[in-house]
Amino acid sequence: MKIAIMQPYFLPYIGYFQLINAVDTFVVYDNIKYTKKGWINRNRILVEGKDQYISLPLRKDSDDLFVVQRFLATEAEKELKKLLNKVCEVYRKAPYFDQNVELLNKIFLYNDHNLFSFIYNSISLINEHLGIKTQLIVSSTLEIDHSLKAEKKVLAICKYLNADFYLNPIGGLELYSKNEFRSHNVELYFLKPKPIIYQQFNHEFVSWLSIIDVLMFNPKGSVVQMLNEFELL
């Protein structure tokens, strides 16, 4: 059993979906603290040749709450329509806009404004759009000691799911020990996306934007092929 575990990210870059596609089961943390200035409720799109952030509007609340305990702002419906219109406007002339506009509508007009549910829905929709069959599991549904941290929690999840292969993004290379995982009968690997370059109108290429950017400028078949453009370390 191959698994990966990640925080929920809003419209993440293609490496996130490479990770999902490369495993049998993908665990999405809902019982993890929301962090400001991360990727949980924001990402980058292309605006006039430059990268620009788009963010889900959040209700003000305690910084100690889990992602699943956070909600979109009271005026979220209005703000989400503005965000949708912005994304549509900047990509309207992209070659594959028409093939993806329905997906955008389903993502931005989703009526559950719990932060985790909203992001989880967007991940599920994009998986379906790309034909990714990986099972998604919500972390709080697992019967483990949820007070565990970092490597110990990952190993507890691996044990619970009978995983013998754990795949982590390349950013965790210094965080986890292959020997420690092997001592628990789990092989640890790190996924490093290969460079992915494509035409973005007539602008100089801006790398690692939201998956939305990839979908707007590439046929779906090519994006599916990109899901395998990585190396394991």
Protein backbone atom coordinates (compact mmCIF):
# COMPACT_ATOMS: atom_id res chain seq x y z
CA MET A 1 0.00 0.00 0.00
CA LYS A 2 1.42 3.36 -1.09
CA ILE A 3 0.26 6.43 0.82
CA ALA A 4 0.92 10.15 1.04
CA ILE A 5 -0.29 12.71 3.58
CA MET A 6 -0.75 16.44 3.06
CA GLN A 7 -2.47 19.54 4.35
CA PRO A 8 -5.43 20.73 2.28
CA TYR A 9 -4.31 23.39 -0.21
CA PHE A 10 -6.56 25.53 -2.37
CA LEU A 11 -5.99 24.95 -6.10
CA PRO A 12 -2.40 23.77 -5.52
CA TYR A 13 0.34 23.45 -8.11
CA ILE A 14 0.63 20.31 -10.22
CA GLY A 15 3.15 18.70 -7.86
CA TYR A 16 0.35 18.24 -5.32
CA PHE A 17 -1.65 16.22 -7.86
CA GLN A 18 1.45 14.29 -8.90
CA LEU A 19 1.70 13.20 -5.26
CA ILE A 20 -1.96 12.18 -5.13
CA ASN A 21 -1.74 10.28 -8.41
CA ALA A 22 1.42 8.41 -7.38
CA VAL A 23 -0.13 6.62 -4.38
CA ASP A 24 -3.03 4.31 -3.57
CA THR A 25 -4.37 6.37 -0.66
CA PHE A 26 -3.97 10.08 0.02
CA VAL A 27 -4.66 11.34 3.53
CA VAL A 28 -5.79 14.97 3.82
CA TYR A 29 -5.27 16.61 7.21
CA ASP A 30 -8.38 18.28 8.57
CA ASN A 31 -7.25 18.29 12.21
CA ILE A 32 -4.20 20.46 11.69
CA LYS A 33 -3.82 24.11 12.64
CA TYR A 34 -4.52 26.71 10.00
CA THR A 35 -1.36 28.64 9.14
CA LYS A 36 -1.31 32.17 7.79
CA LYS A 37 0.61 33.04 4.63
CA GLY A 38 0.75 29.38 3.60
CA TRP A 39 -1.09 27.61 0.79
CA ILE A 40 -4.17 26.43 2.67
CA ASN A 41 -6.53 29.15 1.45
CA ARG A 42 -4.56 30.83 -1.33
CA ASN A 43 -2.59 30.22 -4.49
CA ARG A 44 -1.11 32.03 -7.49
CA ILE A 45 -2.50 32.66 -10.94
CA LEU A 46 -1.17 34.51 -13.98
CA VAL A 47 -2.26 38.14 -14.29
CA GLU A 48 -0.80 40.15 -17.17
CA GLY A 49 2.31 37.99 -17.27
CA LYS A 50 2.99 38.13 -13.52
CA ASP A 51 2.04 35.85 -10.67
CA GLN A 52 -0.67 37.15 -8.37
CA TYR A 53 -2.25 35.64 -5.27
CA ILE A 54 -5.91 34.77 -4.98
CA SER A 55 -7.22 33.98 -1.51
CA LEU A 56 -10.34 32.48 -0.03
CA PRO A 57 -11.92 35.05 2.34
CA LEU A 58 -11.88 33.75 5.92
CA ARG A 59 -13.95 34.59 8.96
CA LYS A 60 -11.78 36.05 11.71
CA ASP A 61 -11.12 33.45 14.36
CA SER A 62 -8.53 32.01 16.72
CA ASP A 63 -5.19 31.01 15.23
CA ASP A 64 -5.32 27.86 17.38
CA LEU A 65 -8.23 26.31 15.50
CA PHE A 66 -7.87 23.37 13.14
CA VAL A 67 -8.56 23.85 9.44
CA VAL A 68 -11.84 21.97 9.82
CA GLN A 69 -12.91 24.48 12.50
CA ARG A 70 -12.40 27.49 10.24
CA PHE A 71 -15.04 28.99 7.95
CA LEU A 72 -15.16 31.31 5.00
CA ALA A 73 -16.18 34.91 5.70
CA THR A 74 -19.80 35.95 6.17
CA GLU A 75 -19.78 37.61 2.74
CA ALA A 76 -18.05 34.61 1.18
CA GLU A 77 -20.66 33.96 -1.50
CA LYS A 78 -20.23 37.47 -2.90
CA GLU A 79 -16.43 37.32 -2.61
CA LEU A 80 -16.23 33.89 -4.23
CA LYS A 81 -18.21 35.16 -7.22
CA LYS A 82 -15.72 38.03 -7.50
CA LEU A 83 -12.83 35.56 -7.38
CA LEU A 84 -14.47 33.37 -10.00
CA ASN A 85 -15.02 36.38 -12.25
CA LYS A 86 -11.40 37.42 -11.81
CA VAL A 87 -10.05 33.98 -12.70
CA CYS A 88 -12.38 33.77 -15.70
CA GLU A 89 -11.40 37.24 -16.87
CA VAL A 90 -7.64 36.65 -16.79
CA TYR A 91 -7.90 33.24 -18.50
CA ARG A 92 -10.82 33.86 -20.85
CA LYS A 93 -8.55 33.98 -23.90
CA ALA A 94 -6.49 30.96 -22.83
CA PRO A 95 -6.72 28.09 -25.34
CA TYR A 96 -8.47 25.66 -22.96
CA PHE A 97 -10.70 28.05 -21.02
CA ASP A 98 -13.95 26.61 -22.41
CA GLN A 99 -12.95 23.08 -21.40
CA ASN A 100 -12.41 24.16 -17.78
CA VAL A 101 -14.98 26.85 -17.02
CA GLU A 102 -17.52 24.35 -15.70
CA LEU A 103 -14.89 23.00 -13.30
CA LEU A 104 -14.22 26.54 -12.07
CA ASN A 105 -17.90 27.12 -11.44
CA LYS A 106 -18.22 23.90 -9.43
CA ILE A 107 -15.19 24.87 -7.33
CA PHE A 108 -15.96 28.51 -6.59
CA LEU A 109 -19.73 28.22 -6.23
CA TYR A 110 -19.68 25.27 -3.83
CA ASN A 111 -22.22 25.98 -1.09
CA ASP A 112 -20.44 24.49 1.94
CA HIS A 113 -18.37 27.29 3.43
CA ASN A 114 -16.47 25.25 5.98
CA LEU A 115 -12.84 25.85 4.98
CA PHE A 116 -11.83 22.20 4.93
CA SER A 117 -14.96 21.05 3.10
CA PHE A 118 -14.55 23.77 0.50
CA ILE A 119 -10.93 22.85 -0.25
CA TYR A 120 -11.57 19.10 -0.06
CA ASN A 121 -14.32 19.51 -2.64
CA SER A 122 -11.99 21.38 -5.00
CA ILE A 123 -9.32 18.67 -4.70
CA SER A 124 -11.91 15.96 -5.35
CA LEU A 125 -13.29 17.78 -8.39
CA ILE A 126 -9.85 18.25 -9.94
CA ASN A 127 -9.00 14.59 -9.30
CA GLU A 128 -12.19 13.59 -11.08
CA HIS A 129 -11.48 16.01 -13.93
CA LEU A 130 -8.03 14.47 -14.46
CA GLY A 131 -9.11 10.87 -13.96
CA ILE A 132 -7.12 10.41 -10.75
CA LYS A 133 -8.53 7.34 -8.98
CA THR A 134 -6.59 7.59 -5.70
CA GLN A 135 -8.64 7.10 -2.55
CA LEU A 136 -8.91 10.24 -0.39
CA ILE A 137 -9.14 9.83 3.39
CA VAL A 138 -9.75 12.55 5.97
CA SER A 139 -7.17 12.34 8.76
CA SER A 140 -9.57 12.73 11.71
CA THR A 141 -11.41 9.56 10.66
CA LEU A 142 -8.31 7.47 11.43
CA GLU A 143 -8.18 5.79 14.84
CA ILE A 144 -4.71 6.90 15.86
CA ASP A 145 -3.24 9.09 18.59
CA HIS A 146 -3.85 12.50 17.03
CA SER A 147 -1.64 14.22 19.61
CA LEU A 148 1.41 12.75 17.87
CA LYS A 149 3.54 15.16 15.84
CA ALA A 150 5.61 15.13 12.67
CA GLU A 151 7.36 11.84 11.88
CA LYS A 152 5.67 9.91 14.70
CA LYS A 153 2.22 10.85 13.44
CA VAL A 154 3.09 9.91 9.86
CA LEU A 155 4.36 6.53 11.03
CA ALA A 156 1.20 6.00 13.09
CA ILE A 157 -0.92 6.66 10.01
CA CYS A 158 1.25 4.32 7.94
CA LYS A 159 0.79 1.59 10.54
CA TYR A 160 -2.97 2.11 10.76
CA LEU A 161 -3.35 1.91 6.97
CA ASN A 162 -0.92 -1.02 6.63
CA ALA A 163 1.25 1.08 4.34
CA ASP A 164 4.67 -0.19 3.30
CA PHE A 165 5.50 2.83 1.10
CA TYR A 166 5.27 6.48 2.15
CA LEU A 167 5.73 9.26 -0.39
CA ASN A 168 6.52 12.79 0.76
CA PRO A 169 7.03 16.04 -1.16
CA ILE A 170 10.66 16.95 -1.76
CA GLY A 171 10.37 19.76 0.80
CA GLY A 172 10.44 17.19 3.59
CA LEU A 173 13.82 15.76 2.60
CA GLU A 174 15.49 17.08 5.77
CA LEU A 175 12.58 16.25 8.06
CA TYR A 176 12.28 12.49 7.80
CA SER A 177 14.75 9.62 8.08
CA LYS A 178 14.63 6.73 5.63
CA ASN A 179 16.27 4.52 8.25
CA GLU A 180 13.63 5.38 10.83
CA PHE A 181 10.83 4.56 8.40
CA ARG A 182 12.57 1.34 7.36
CA SER A 183 12.75 0.28 11.00
CA HIS A 184 8.93 0.39 10.92
CA ASN A 185 8.83 -1.61 7.66
CA VAL A 186 7.97 1.42 5.57
CA GLU A 187 9.98 2.57 2.56
CA LEU A 188 10.24 6.36 2.44
CA TYR A 189 10.60 8.25 -0.85
CA PHE A 190 10.47 11.90 -1.83
CA LEU A 191 8.72 13.22 -4.92
CA LYS A 192 10.56 15.90 -6.88
CA PRO A 193 8.60 17.36 -9.83
CA LYS A 194 10.53 17.73 -13.06
CA PRO A 195 10.52 21.17 -14.71
CA ILE A 196 7.24 21.71 -16.54
CA ILE A 197 7.20 24.54 -19.09
CA TYR A 198 4.38 25.57 -21.43
CA GLN A 199 3.22 28.62 -23.36
CA GLN A 200 1.42 31.25 -21.25
CA PHE A 201 0.03 33.64 -23.86
CA ASN A 202 3.10 35.55 -25.10
CA HIS A 203 4.61 36.15 -21.67
CA GLU A 204 7.82 34.89 -20.15
CA PHE A 205 7.00 31.63 -18.41
CA VAL A 206 6.05 31.78 -14.71
CA SER A 207 6.54 28.39 -13.05
CA TRP A 208 4.56 26.44 -10.46
CA LEU A 209 1.35 28.43 -10.53
CA SER A 210 -1.98 26.93 -9.53
CA ILE A 211 -3.17 23.82 -11.34
CA ILE A 212 -5.76 26.13 -12.91
CA ASP A 213 -3.00 27.78 -14.94
CA VAL A 214 -1.78 24.39 -16.18
CA LEU A 215 -5.30 23.40 -17.22
CA MET A 216 -5.93 26.66 -19.06
CA PHE A 217 -2.88 26.38 -21.31
CA ASN A 218 -2.66 22.62 -21.93
CA PRO A 219 -5.02 19.95 -23.26
CA LYS A 220 -6.27 17.60 -20.56
CA GLY A 221 -4.35 14.67 -22.06
CA SER A 222 -1.08 16.59 -21.72
CA VAL A 223 -1.86 17.52 -18.12
CA VAL A 224 -2.51 13.86 -17.33
CA GLN A 225 0.91 13.03 -18.79
CA MET A 226 2.46 15.78 -16.63
CA LEU A 227 1.24 13.93 -13.54
CA ASN A 228 4.08 11.47 -14.15
CA GLU A 229 6.77 14.09 -14.73
CA PHE A 230 8.65 13.59 -11.47
CA GLU A 231 11.48 11.63 -9.95
CA LEU A 232 11.64 9.72 -6.69
CA LEU A 233 14.53 10.28 -4.32
